[in-house]
Amino acid sequence: MTPPTSADKVLGVIGLGSMGLGAALTALRKGVTTIGLDTRAEARERFVAEGGRATASLAELGAQCDAVVVLVVNAAQTESVLFGDDGLIGTLRPGSVVICSATVDPTLPPTWQQRLAQRGLLLIDAPVSGGAAKAAAGQMTVMASGEPAAFQAAGAMLDAIAGKVYRLGDKPGIGSTVKMVNQHLAGVHIAAACEAMALGMRAGADPSALYEVICNSAGMSWMFQNRVPHILEGDYTPLSSVNIFVKDLGIVLDAARKLQFPLPLAAAAHQLYLATAAAGHGAEDDSAVIKFYAELAGIELPKAAEKS
């Protein structure tokens, strides 16, 4: 059976940040005509330099696309893109598909689907994971749910931006539920990694040796392996910021509260991100949680290498 093709369709990607740019470039490499949108001129210019097309006009993008991936920061930005001035609800052709990929409260995608359906538009709830490096390599994971008609129309384009697309059900909200669980684990693991490294340094262990040993021992997690090098290099350039986990663990805790489900670990981790943000590090990389411990316990953290 010949796999579905997306070569004759146009994909839009709204949000050319670390994940969105990777998704858009991956689609280009796979032969999908792709238009990017970002409010930042430098982001648009970077995409154009790689062979893509870019615009700052939501109306212009919507008029040309068969499917649009919305990879913005949060629910408020997603709703603005969908339903605000020149929003996709009024610019996409009937039968087009909106692929919502921000991390949001799982109760929101079903309401978006209902509003879009009134204009003949389809929705796939499709949050993503993997970070900037995997997005750039075309290896990010998509946790998707939506009506079969939406996957029939845009499934090939969704497959084109990722390494693995999990089709989790025919109702929007399931994808966001799975992403919520992922963010629970990711947030707790990063906080635990920072706490553990701070403990080891406070007790006198060499941080580089500690990292190597843990990466080859049972205590290793993907987040430990991925984030601790930022600490060792003294580089807190935000690939994913502290403020992102203030938001994402807030979503987790809000959902759990509605379910009357206790989450003591997530709550403790959320307080660590809040404390780190309150100390002025909210816009830094999420590994900056270790700075909270350093300031609390007087630990000297590794310094960034001086640039020549």
C-alpha atoms as a PDB file:
ATOM      1  CA  MET A   1       0.000   0.000   0.000  1.00  0.00           C
ATOM      2  CA  THR A   2       1.391   3.392  -1.010  1.00  0.00           C
ATOM      3  CA  PRO A   3       1.785   5.688   2.031  1.00  0.00           C
ATOM      4  CA  PRO A   4      -0.140   8.976   1.987  1.00  0.00           C
ATOM      5  CA  THR A   5       1.676  11.932   0.499  1.00  0.00           C
ATOM      6  CA  SER A   6       1.716  15.563   1.560  1.00  0.00           C
ATOM      7  CA  ALA A   7       3.725  16.827  -1.409  1.00  0.00           C
ATOM      8  CA  ASP A   8       0.740  18.586  -2.958  1.00  0.00           C
ATOM      9  CA  LYS A   9      -0.355  20.301   0.260  1.00  0.00           C
ATOM     10  CA  VAL A  10       0.892  23.375   2.113  1.00  0.00           C
ATOM     11  CA  LEU A  11       1.792  23.273   5.796  1.00  0.00           C
ATOM     12  CA  GLY A  12       1.941  26.327   8.020  1.00  0.00           C
ATOM     13  CA  VAL A  13       3.996  26.461  11.221  1.00  0.00           C
ATOM     14  CA  ILE A  14       3.142  29.234  13.659  1.00  0.00           C
ATOM     15  CA  GLY A  15       5.932  29.847  16.157  1.00  0.00           C
ATOM     16  CA  LEU A  16       9.476  29.453  14.844  1.00  0.00           C
ATOM     17  CA  GLY A  17      11.075  28.960  18.240  1.00  0.00           C
ATOM     18  CA  SER A  18      13.317  26.077  19.243  1.00  0.00           C
ATOM     19  CA  MET A  19      10.655  23.439  18.559  1.00  0.00           C
ATOM     20  CA  GLY A  20       8.702  25.161  15.790  1.00  0.00           C
ATOM     21  CA  LEU A  21      11.747  25.924  13.673  1.00  0.00           C
ATOM     22  CA  GLY A  22      12.890  22.320  13.934  1.00  0.00           C
ATOM     23  CA  ALA A  23       9.439  21.087  12.904  1.00  0.00           C
ATOM     24  CA  ALA A  24       9.268  23.473   9.949  1.00  0.00           C
ATOM     25  CA  LEU A  25      12.755  22.588   8.698  1.00  0.00           C
ATOM     26  CA  THR A  26      12.023  18.876   9.063  1.00  0.00           C
ATOM     27  CA  ALA A  27       8.909  19.256   6.930  1.00  0.00           C
ATOM     28  CA  LEU A  28      10.927  21.136   4.296  1.00  0.00           C
ATOM     29  CA  ARG A  29      13.548  18.382   4.179  1.00  0.00           C
ATOM     30  CA  LYS A  30      10.760  15.859   3.580  1.00  0.00           C
ATOM     31  CA  GLY A  31       9.470  17.778   0.593  1.00  0.00           C
ATOM     32  CA  VAL A  32       6.491  19.505   2.208  1.00  0.00           C
ATOM     33  CA  THR A  33       5.831  23.075   1.067  1.00  0.00           C
ATOM     34  CA  THR A  34       6.045  24.944   4.356  1.00  0.00           C
ATOM     35  CA  ILE A  35       5.276  28.520   5.389  1.00  0.00           C
ATOM     36  CA  GLY A  36       6.501  29.770   8.759  1.00  0.00           C
ATOM     37  CA  LEU A  37       5.103  32.562  10.883  1.00  0.00           C
ATOM     38  CA  ASP A  38       6.716  34.335  13.802  1.00  0.00           C
ATOM     39  CA  THR A  39       6.428  37.822  15.247  1.00  0.00           C
ATOM     40  CA  ARG A  40      10.232  38.053  15.366  1.00  0.00           C
ATOM     41  CA  ALA A  41      11.898  39.127  12.134  1.00  0.00           C
ATOM     42  CA  GLU A  42      15.093  37.235  12.985  1.00  0.00           C
ATOM     43  CA  ALA A  43      13.157  33.965  13.323  1.00  0.00           C
ATOM     44  CA  ARG A  44      11.496  34.467   9.938  1.00  0.00           C
ATOM     45  CA  GLU A  45      14.828  35.372   8.331  1.00  0.00           C
ATOM     46  CA  ARG A  46      16.458  32.244   9.714  1.00  0.00           C
ATOM     47  CA  PHE A  47      13.744  30.044   8.235  1.00  0.00           C
ATOM     48  CA  VAL A  48      13.952  31.802   4.864  1.00  0.00           C
ATOM     49  CA  ALA A  49      17.734  31.358   4.879  1.00  0.00           C
ATOM     50  CA  GLU A  50      17.148  27.607   5.138  1.00  0.00           C
ATOM     51  CA  GLY A  51      14.901  27.610   2.070  1.00  0.00           C
ATOM     52  CA  GLY A  52      11.477  28.152   3.627  1.00  0.00           C
ATOM     53  CA  ARG A  53       8.839  30.812   3.120  1.00  0.00           C
ATOM     54  CA  ALA A  54       7.842  33.092   5.981  1.00  0.00           C
ATOM     55  CA  THR A  55       5.313  35.748   6.825  1.00  0.00           C
ATOM     56  CA  ALA A  56       4.262  37.889   9.769  1.00  0.00           C
ATOM     57  CA  SER A  57       0.638  37.900   8.579  1.00  0.00           C
ATOM     58  CA  LEU A  58      -1.702  35.339  10.100  1.00  0.00           C
ATOM     59  CA  ALA A  59      -4.305  36.042   7.420  1.00  0.00           C
ATOM     60  CA  GLU A  60      -1.769  35.497   4.631  1.00  0.00           C
ATOM     61  CA  LEU A  61      -0.614  32.200   6.114  1.00  0.00           C
ATOM     62  CA  GLY A  62      -4.135  30.908   6.734  1.00  0.00           C
ATOM     63  CA  ALA A  63      -5.253  31.646   3.184  1.00  0.00           C
ATOM     64  CA  GLN A  64      -2.497  29.439   1.725  1.00  0.00           C
ATOM     65  CA  CYS A  65      -2.372  26.423   4.035  1.00  0.00           C
ATOM     66  CA  ASP A  66      -4.113  23.063   4.164  1.00  0.00           C
ATOM     67  CA  ALA A  67      -2.910  22.417   7.717  1.00  0.00           C
ATOM     68  CA  VAL A  68      -1.299  24.616  10.345  1.00  0.00           C
ATOM     69  CA  VAL A  69       0.830  23.566  13.311  1.00  0.00           C
ATOM     70  CA  VAL A  70       0.387  26.015  16.187  1.00  0.00           C
ATOM     71  CA  LEU A  71       3.562  25.774  18.276  1.00  0.00           C
ATOM     72  CA  VAL A  72       3.259  28.792  20.545  1.00  0.00           C
ATOM     73  CA  VAL A  73       3.938  29.115  24.276  1.00  0.00           C
ATOM     74  CA  ASN A  74       0.604  28.625  25.983  1.00  0.00           C
ATOM     75  CA  ALA A  75      -3.187  28.398  25.768  1.00  0.00           C
ATOM     76  CA  ALA A  76      -3.704  32.166  25.610  1.00  0.00           C
ATOM     77  CA  GLN A  77      -1.440  32.485  22.572  1.00  0.00           C
ATOM     78  CA  THR A  78      -3.092  29.455  20.966  1.00  0.00           C
ATOM     79  CA  GLU A  79      -6.546  30.980  21.392  1.00  0.00           C
ATOM     80  CA  SER A  80      -5.330  34.270  19.944  1.00  0.00           C
ATOM     81  CA  VAL A  81      -4.016  32.454  16.863  1.00  0.00           C
ATOM     82  CA  LEU A  82      -7.234  30.489  16.474  1.00  0.00           C
ATOM     83  CA  PHE A  83      -9.892  33.039  17.334  1.00  0.00           C
ATOM     84  CA  GLY A  84      -8.284  36.489  17.543  1.00  0.00           C
ATOM     85  CA  ASP A  85      -8.005  39.174  14.867  1.00  0.00           C
ATOM     86  CA  ASP A  86      -7.299  37.468  11.511  1.00  0.00           C
ATOM     87  CA  GLY A  87      -7.401  34.162  13.410  1.00  0.00           C
ATOM     88  CA  LEU A  88      -7.291  30.837  11.632  1.00  0.00           C
ATOM     89  CA  ILE A  89     -11.012  30.269  12.197  1.00  0.00           C
ATOM     90  CA  GLY A  90     -11.728  33.001   9.653  1.00  0.00           C
ATOM     91  CA  THR A  91      -8.848  32.513   7.217  1.00  0.00           C
ATOM     92  CA  LEU A  92      -8.455  28.760   6.660  1.00  0.00           C
ATOM     93  CA  ARG A  93     -10.495  27.027   3.975  1.00  0.00           C
ATOM     94  CA  PRO A  94     -13.164  24.539   5.155  1.00  0.00           C
ATOM     95  CA  GLY A  95     -11.665  21.081   5.490  1.00  0.00           C
ATOM     96  CA  SER A  96      -8.311  22.449   6.663  1.00  0.00           C
ATOM     97  CA  VAL A  97      -6.723  21.113   9.841  1.00  0.00           C
ATOM     98  CA  VAL A  98      -5.407  22.961  12.874  1.00  0.00           C
ATOM     99  CA  ILE A  99      -2.717  21.044  14.783  1.00  0.00           C
ATOM    100  CA  CYS A 100      -2.452  22.485  18.308  1.00  0.00           C
ATOM    101  CA  SER A 101       0.912  21.661  19.877  1.00  0.00           C
ATOM    102  CA  ALA A 102       1.302  23.887  22.942  1.00  0.00           C
ATOM    103  CA  THR A 103       1.117  22.292  26.385  1.00  0.00           C
ATOM    104  CA  VAL A 104      -2.353  23.208  27.669  1.00  0.00           C
ATOM    105  CA  ASP A 105      -5.097  22.154  30.059  1.00  0.00           C
ATOM    106  CA  PRO A 106      -6.605  18.976  28.519  1.00  0.00           C
ATOM    107  CA  THR A 107     -10.115  20.410  28.837  1.00  0.00           C
ATOM    108  CA  LEU A 108      -9.370  23.141  26.267  1.00  0.00           C
ATOM    109  CA  PRO A 109      -8.820  21.241  22.966  1.00  0.00           C
ATOM    110  CA  PRO A 110     -12.384  19.822  22.928  1.00  0.00           C
ATOM    111  CA  THR A 111     -13.823  23.332  23.216  1.00  0.00           C
ATOM    112  CA  TRP A 112     -11.535  24.553  20.425  1.00  0.00           C
ATOM    113  CA  GLN A 113     -12.637  21.652  18.234  1.00  0.00           C
ATOM    114  CA  GLN A 114     -16.297  22.584  18.692  1.00  0.00           C
ATOM    115  CA  ARG A 115     -15.705  26.218  17.723  1.00  0.00           C
ATOM    116  CA  LEU A 116     -13.584  25.318  14.699  1.00  0.00           C
ATOM    117  CA  ALA A 117     -16.096  22.717  13.519  1.00  0.00           C
ATOM    118  CA  GLN A 118     -18.715  25.456  13.160  1.00  0.00           C
ATOM    119  CA  ARG A 119     -16.557  26.817  10.307  1.00  0.00           C
ATOM    120  CA  GLY A 120     -15.837  23.419   8.762  1.00  0.00           C
ATOM    121  CA  LEU A 121     -12.347  23.134  10.248  1.00  0.00           C
ATOM    122  CA  LEU A 122     -10.756  20.091  11.883  1.00  0.00           C
ATOM    123  CA  LEU A 123      -8.467  19.911  14.909  1.00  0.00           C
ATOM    124  CA  ILE A 124      -5.736  17.558  16.070  1.00  0.00           C
ATOM    125  CA  ASP A 125      -4.635  17.888  19.694  1.00  0.00           C
ATOM    126  CA  ALA A 126      -0.914  17.263  19.222  1.00  0.00           C
ATOM    127  CA  PRO A 127       1.509  18.422  21.928  1.00  0.00           C
ATOM    128  CA  VAL A 128       5.159  17.625  21.312  1.00  0.00           C
ATOM    129  CA  SER A 129       8.210  16.561  23.283  1.00  0.00           C
ATOM    130  CA  GLY A 130      11.905  16.050  22.708  1.00  0.00           C
ATOM    131  CA  GLY A 131      13.540  19.455  22.976  1.00  0.00           C
ATOM    132  CA  ALA A 132      15.240  21.643  20.409  1.00  0.00           C
ATOM    133  CA  ALA A 133      17.867  19.083  19.385  1.00  0.00           C
ATOM    134  CA  LYS A 134      15.350  16.350  18.579  1.00  0.00           C
ATOM    135  CA  ALA A 135      13.060  18.826  16.830  1.00  0.00           C
ATOM    136  CA  ALA A 136      15.936  19.963  14.617  1.00  0.00           C
ATOM    137  CA  ALA A 137      16.814  16.344  13.824  1.00  0.00           C
ATOM    138  CA  GLY A 138      13.209  15.479  12.990  1.00  0.00           C
ATOM    139  CA  GLN A 139      13.015  13.145  15.973  1.00  0.00           C
ATOM    140  CA  MET A 140      10.533  14.837  18.297  1.00  0.00           C
ATOM    141  CA  THR A 141       7.575  12.893  19.674  1.00  0.00           C
ATOM    142  CA  VAL A 142       3.988  13.940  18.954  1.00  0.00           C
ATOM    143  CA  MET A 143       1.153  12.877  21.277  1.00  0.00           C
ATOM    144  CA  ALA A 144      -1.872  13.228  19.028  1.00  0.00           C
ATOM    145  CA  SER A 145      -5.608  12.727  19.276  1.00  0.00           C
ATOM    146  CA  GLY A 146      -8.482  13.817  17.071  1.00  0.00           C
ATOM    147  CA  GLU A 147     -11.184  12.725  14.691  1.00  0.00           C
ATOM    148  CA  PRO A 148     -10.247  10.181  12.002  1.00  0.00           C
ATOM    149  CA  ALA A 149     -11.133  12.775   9.327  1.00  0.00           C
ATOM    150  CA  ALA A 150      -8.495  15.131  10.729  1.00  0.00           C
ATOM    151  CA  PHE A 151      -5.799  12.465  10.556  1.00  0.00           C
ATOM    152  CA  GLN A 152      -6.913  11.468   7.066  1.00  0.00           C
ATOM    153  CA  ALA A 153      -6.537  15.080   5.913  1.00  0.00           C
ATOM    154  CA  ALA A 154      -3.304  15.989   7.702  1.00  0.00           C
ATOM    155  CA  GLY A 155      -1.763  12.796   9.062  1.00  0.00           C
ATOM    156  CA  ALA A 156       0.994  12.738   6.445  1.00  0.00           C
ATOM    157  CA  MET A 157       1.955  16.332   7.255  1.00  0.00           C
ATOM    158  CA  LEU A 158       1.984  15.537  10.965  1.00  0.00           C
ATOM    159  CA  ASP A 159       4.208  12.538  10.298  1.00  0.00           C
ATOM    160  CA  ALA A 160       6.534  14.813   8.295  1.00  0.00           C
ATOM    161  CA  ILE A 161       7.472  16.982  11.276  1.00  0.00           C
ATOM    162  CA  ALA A 162       8.350  14.272  13.793  1.00  0.00           C
ATOM    163  CA  GLY A 163      10.171  11.054  14.478  1.00  0.00           C
ATOM    164  CA  LYS A 164       7.247   9.379  16.198  1.00  0.00           C
ATOM    165  CA  VAL A 165       3.543  10.255  16.117  1.00  0.00           C
ATOM    166  CA  TYR A 166       1.393   8.458  18.663  1.00  0.00           C
ATOM    167  CA  ARG A 167      -2.276   8.395  17.644  1.00  0.00           C
ATOM    168  CA  LEU A 168      -3.940   8.163  21.029  1.00  0.00           C
ATOM    169  CA  GLY A 169      -7.636   8.365  20.266  1.00  0.00           C
ATOM    170  CA  ASP A 170     -10.379  10.125  18.353  1.00  0.00           C
ATOM    171  CA  LYS A 171     -11.116  12.866  20.886  1.00  0.00           C
ATOM    172  CA  PRO A 172      -9.055  16.042  21.384  1.00  0.00           C
ATOM    173  CA  GLY A 173      -7.791  16.277  24.946  1.00  0.00           C
ATOM    174  CA  ILE A 174      -6.265  12.802  25.117  1.00  0.00           C
ATOM    175  CA  GLY A 175      -3.014  14.034  23.568  1.00  0.00           C
ATOM    176  CA  SER A 176      -2.835  16.903  26.060  1.00  0.00           C
ATOM    177  CA  THR A 177      -3.530  14.503  28.932  1.00  0.00           C
ATOM    178  CA  VAL A 178      -0.554  12.339  27.937  1.00  0.00           C
ATOM    179  CA  LYS A 179       1.630  15.442  27.538  1.00  0.00           C
ATOM    180  CA  MET A 180       0.531  16.606  30.987  1.00  0.00           C
ATOM    181  CA  VAL A 181       1.797  13.336  32.478  1.00  0.00           C
ATOM    182  CA  ASN A 182       5.052  13.734  30.553  1.00  0.00           C
ATOM    183  CA  GLN A 183       5.508  17.252  31.959  1.00  0.00           C
ATOM    184  CA  HIS A 184       4.802  16.002  35.465  1.00  0.00           C
ATOM    185  CA  LEU A 185       7.688  13.559  35.108  1.00  0.00           C
ATOM    186  CA  ALA A 186       9.992  15.985  33.297  1.00  0.00           C
ATOM    187  CA  GLY A 187       9.470  18.722  35.871  1.00  0.00           C
ATOM    188  CA  VAL A 188      10.030  16.422  38.825  1.00  0.00           C
ATOM    189  CA  HIS A 189      13.095  14.828  37.214  1.00  0.00           C
ATOM    190  CA  ILE A 190      14.782  18.180  36.498  1.00  0.00           C
ATOM    191  CA  ALA A 191      14.117  19.420  40.033  1.00  0.00           C
ATOM    192  CA  ALA A 192      15.429  16.136  41.465  1.00  0.00           C
ATOM    193  CA  ALA A 193      18.545  16.312  39.271  1.00  0.00           C
ATOM    194  CA  CYS A 194      19.303  19.841  40.499  1.00  0.00           C
ATOM    195  CA  GLU A 195      18.691  18.863  44.124  1.00  0.00           C
ATOM    196  CA  ALA A 196      20.898  15.777  43.829  1.00  0.00           C
ATOM    197  CA  MET A 197      23.765  17.648  42.178  1.00  0.00           C
ATOM    198  CA  ALA A 198      23.572  20.390  44.813  1.00  0.00           C
ATOM    199  CA  LEU A 199      23.669  17.752  47.564  1.00  0.00           C
ATOM    200  CA  GLY A 200      26.722  16.111  46.041  1.00  0.00           C
ATOM    201  CA  MET A 201      28.573  19.412  45.627  1.00  0.00           C
ATOM    202  CA  ARG A 202      27.661  20.499  49.170  1.00  0.00           C
ATOM    203  CA  ALA A 203      29.171  17.241  50.447  1.00  0.00           C
ATOM    204  CA  GLY A 204      32.366  17.820  48.455  1.00  0.00           C
ATOM    205  CA  ALA A 205      31.954  15.565  45.413  1.00  0.00           C
ATOM    206  CA  ASP A 206      33.491  16.673  42.145  1.00  0.00           C
ATOM    207  CA  PRO A 207      30.487  17.634  39.988  1.00  0.00           C
ATOM    208  CA  SER A 208      31.906  16.301  36.719  1.00  0.00           C
ATOM    209  CA  ALA A 209      32.801  12.949  38.274  1.00  0.00           C
ATOM    210  CA  LEU A 210      29.413  12.823  39.988  1.00  0.00           C
ATOM    211  CA  TYR A 211      27.680  13.377  36.657  1.00  0.00           C
ATOM    212  CA  GLU A 212      29.655  10.633  34.923  1.00  0.00           C
ATOM    213  CA  VAL A 213      29.014   8.094  37.658  1.00  0.00           C
ATOM    214  CA  ILE A 214      25.280   8.783  37.864  1.00  0.00           C
ATOM    215  CA  CYS A 215      24.945   8.579  34.063  1.00  0.00           C
ATOM    216  CA  ASN A 216      26.285   5.038  34.310  1.00  0.00           C
ATOM    217  CA  SER A 217      24.256   4.060  37.348  1.00  0.00           C
ATOM    218  CA  ALA A 218      20.659   3.278  38.243  1.00  0.00           C
ATOM    219  CA  GLY A 219      19.894   6.831  39.383  1.00  0.00           C
ATOM    220  CA  MET A 220      20.261   8.261  35.871  1.00  0.00           C
ATOM    221  CA  SER A 221      17.288   9.817  34.082  1.00  0.00           C
ATOM    222  CA  TRP A 222      17.078  11.386  30.624  1.00  0.00           C
ATOM    223  CA  MET A 223      16.609  14.791  32.226  1.00  0.00           C
ATOM    224  CA  PHE A 224      19.629  14.296  34.498  1.00  0.00           C
ATOM    225  CA  GLN A 225      21.768  13.341  31.521  1.00  0.00           C
ATOM    226  CA  ASN A 226      20.442  16.215  29.403  1.00  0.00           C
ATOM    227  CA  ARG A 227      20.315  19.092  31.907  1.00  0.00           C
ATOM    228  CA  VAL A 228      23.293  18.581  34.217  1.00  0.00           C
ATOM    229  CA  PRO A 229      25.791  19.491  31.437  1.00  0.00           C
ATOM    230  CA  HIS A 230      24.236  22.972  31.461  1.00  0.00           C
ATOM    231  CA  ILE A 231      25.192  23.210  35.148  1.00  0.00           C
ATOM    232  CA  LEU A 232      28.702  21.858  34.562  1.00  0.00           C
ATOM    233  CA  GLU A 233      29.229  24.387  31.760  1.00  0.00           C
ATOM    234  CA  GLY A 234      27.725  27.251  33.755  1.00  0.00           C
ATOM    235  CA  ASP A 235      25.487  27.968  30.774  1.00  0.00           C
ATOM    236  CA  TYR A 236      21.872  28.764  31.608  1.00  0.00           C
ATOM    237  CA  THR A 237      20.840  29.883  28.137  1.00  0.00           C
ATOM    238  CA  PRO A 238      17.150  28.909  28.107  1.00  0.00           C
ATOM    239  CA  LEU A 239      16.474  25.926  25.883  1.00  0.00           C
ATOM    240  CA  SER A 240      13.474  25.401  28.171  1.00  0.00           C
ATOM    241  CA  SER A 241      13.060  27.983  30.897  1.00  0.00           C
ATOM    242  CA  VAL A 242      12.178  27.849  34.577  1.00  0.00           C
ATOM    243  CA  ASN A 243       9.019  29.780  33.732  1.00  0.00           C
ATOM    244  CA  ILE A 244       7.903  27.031  31.348  1.00  0.00           C
ATOM    245  CA  PHE A 245       7.747  24.607  34.257  1.00  0.00           C
ATOM    246  CA  VAL A 246       6.055  27.152  36.477  1.00  0.00           C
ATOM    247  CA  LYS A 247       3.340  27.072  33.791  1.00  0.00           C
ATOM    248  CA  ASP A 248       3.377  23.365  32.950  1.00  0.00           C
ATOM    249  CA  LEU A 249       3.395  22.037  36.504  1.00  0.00           C
ATOM    250  CA  GLY A 250       0.673  24.561  37.249  1.00  0.00           C
ATOM    251  CA  ILE A 251      -1.410  22.874  34.524  1.00  0.00           C
ATOM    252  CA  VAL A 252      -0.647  19.471  36.057  1.00  0.00           C
ATOM    253  CA  LEU A 253      -1.666  20.587  39.540  1.00  0.00           C
ATOM    254  CA  ASP A 254      -4.827  22.334  38.334  1.00  0.00           C
ATOM    255  CA  ALA A 255      -5.931  19.195  36.496  1.00  0.00           C
ATOM    256  CA  ALA A 256      -5.188  17.017  39.510  1.00  0.00           C
ATOM    257  CA  ARG A 257      -7.165  19.357  41.767  1.00  0.00           C
ATOM    258  CA  LYS A 258     -10.215  18.994  39.512  1.00  0.00           C
ATOM    259  CA  LEU A 259      -9.818  15.214  39.785  1.00  0.00           C
ATOM    260  CA  GLN A 260      -9.264  15.405  43.561  1.00  0.00           C
ATOM    261  CA  PHE A 261      -5.985  13.580  43.001  1.00  0.00           C
ATOM    262  CA  PRO A 262      -2.968  14.268  45.256  1.00  0.00           C
ATOM    263  CA  LEU A 263       0.387  15.118  43.646  1.00  0.00           C
ATOM    264  CA  PRO A 264       2.856  15.823  46.467  1.00  0.00           C
ATOM    265  CA  LEU A 265       5.963  15.383  44.304  1.00  0.00           C
ATOM    266  CA  ALA A 266       4.702  17.662  41.550  1.00  0.00           C
ATOM    267  CA  ALA A 267       3.639  20.241  44.134  1.00  0.00           C
ATOM    268  CA  ALA A 268       7.086  20.242  45.752  1.00  0.00           C
ATOM    269  CA  ALA A 269       8.799  20.578  42.354  1.00  0.00           C
ATOM    270  CA  HIS A 270       6.433  23.413  41.399  1.00  0.00           C
ATOM    271  CA  GLN A 271       7.431  25.300  44.536  1.00  0.00           C
ATOM    272  CA  LEU A 272      11.100  24.917  43.578  1.00  0.00           C
ATOM    273  CA  TYR A 273      10.462  26.440  40.147  1.00  0.00           C
ATOM    274  CA  LEU A 274       8.430  29.238  41.733  1.00  0.00           C
ATOM    275  CA  ALA A 275      11.211  29.925  44.249  1.00  0.00           C
ATOM    276  CA  THR A 276      13.818  29.969  41.484  1.00  0.00           C
ATOM    277  CA  ALA A 277      11.696  32.369  39.433  1.00  0.00           C
ATOM    278  CA  ALA A 278      11.120  34.579  42.477  1.00  0.00           C
ATOM    279  CA  ALA A 279      14.891  34.740  42.929  1.00  0.00           C
ATOM    280  CA  GLY A 280      15.191  36.263  39.455  1.00  0.00           C
ATOM    281  CA  HIS A 281      16.023  33.193  37.363  1.00  0.00           C
ATOM    282  CA  GLY A 282      12.648  32.558  35.706  1.00  0.00           C
ATOM    283  CA  ALA A 283      13.855  33.335  32.185  1.00  0.00           C
ATOM    284  CA  GLU A 284      16.938  31.119  32.513  1.00  0.00           C
ATOM    285  CA  ASP A 285      17.264  27.449  31.597  1.00  0.00           C
ATOM    286  CA  ASP A 286      15.236  25.154  33.850  1.00  0.00           C
ATOM    287  CA  SER A 287      18.472  23.701  35.229  1.00  0.00           C
ATOM    288  CA  ALA A 288      18.831  27.049  37.038  1.00  0.00           C
ATOM    289  CA  VAL A 289      16.788  25.450  39.834  1.00  0.00           C
ATOM    290  CA  ILE A 290      20.205  24.505  41.195  1.00  0.00           C
ATOM    291  CA  LYS A 291      20.856  28.223  41.779  1.00  0.00           C
ATOM    292  CA  PHE A 292      18.096  28.208  44.387  1.00  0.00           C
ATOM    293  CA  TYR A 293      19.985  25.495  46.279  1.00  0.00           C
ATOM    294  CA  ALA A 294      23.325  27.236  45.737  1.00  0.00           C
ATOM    295  CA  GLU A 295      22.027  30.469  47.226  1.00  0.00           C
ATOM    296  CA  LEU A 296      20.378  28.588  50.093  1.00  0.00           C
ATOM    297  CA  ALA A 297      23.423  26.525  51.027  1.00  0.00           C
ATOM    298  CA  GLY A 298      26.333  28.662  49.853  1.00  0.00           C
ATOM    299  CA  ILE A 299      27.425  26.284  47.094  1.00  0.00           C
ATOM    300  CA  GLU A 300      29.788  27.576  44.423  1.00  0.00           C
ATOM    301  CA  LEU A 301      28.553  26.449  41.013  1.00  0.00           C
ATOM    302  CA  PRO A 302      30.765  25.886  37.943  1.00  0.00           C
ATOM    303  CA  LYS A 303      31.421  29.063  35.978  1.00  0.00           C
ATOM    304  CA  ALA A 304      30.914  29.511  32.266  1.00  0.00           C
ATOM    305  CA  ALA A 305      34.106  29.364  30.232  1.00  0.00           C
ATOM    306  CA  GLU A 306      35.327  32.744  29.079  1.00  0.00           C
ATOM    307  CA  LYS A 307      34.796  33.327  25.376  1.00  0.00           C
ATOM    308  CA  SER A 308      37.947  34.107  23.443  1.00  0.00           C
END
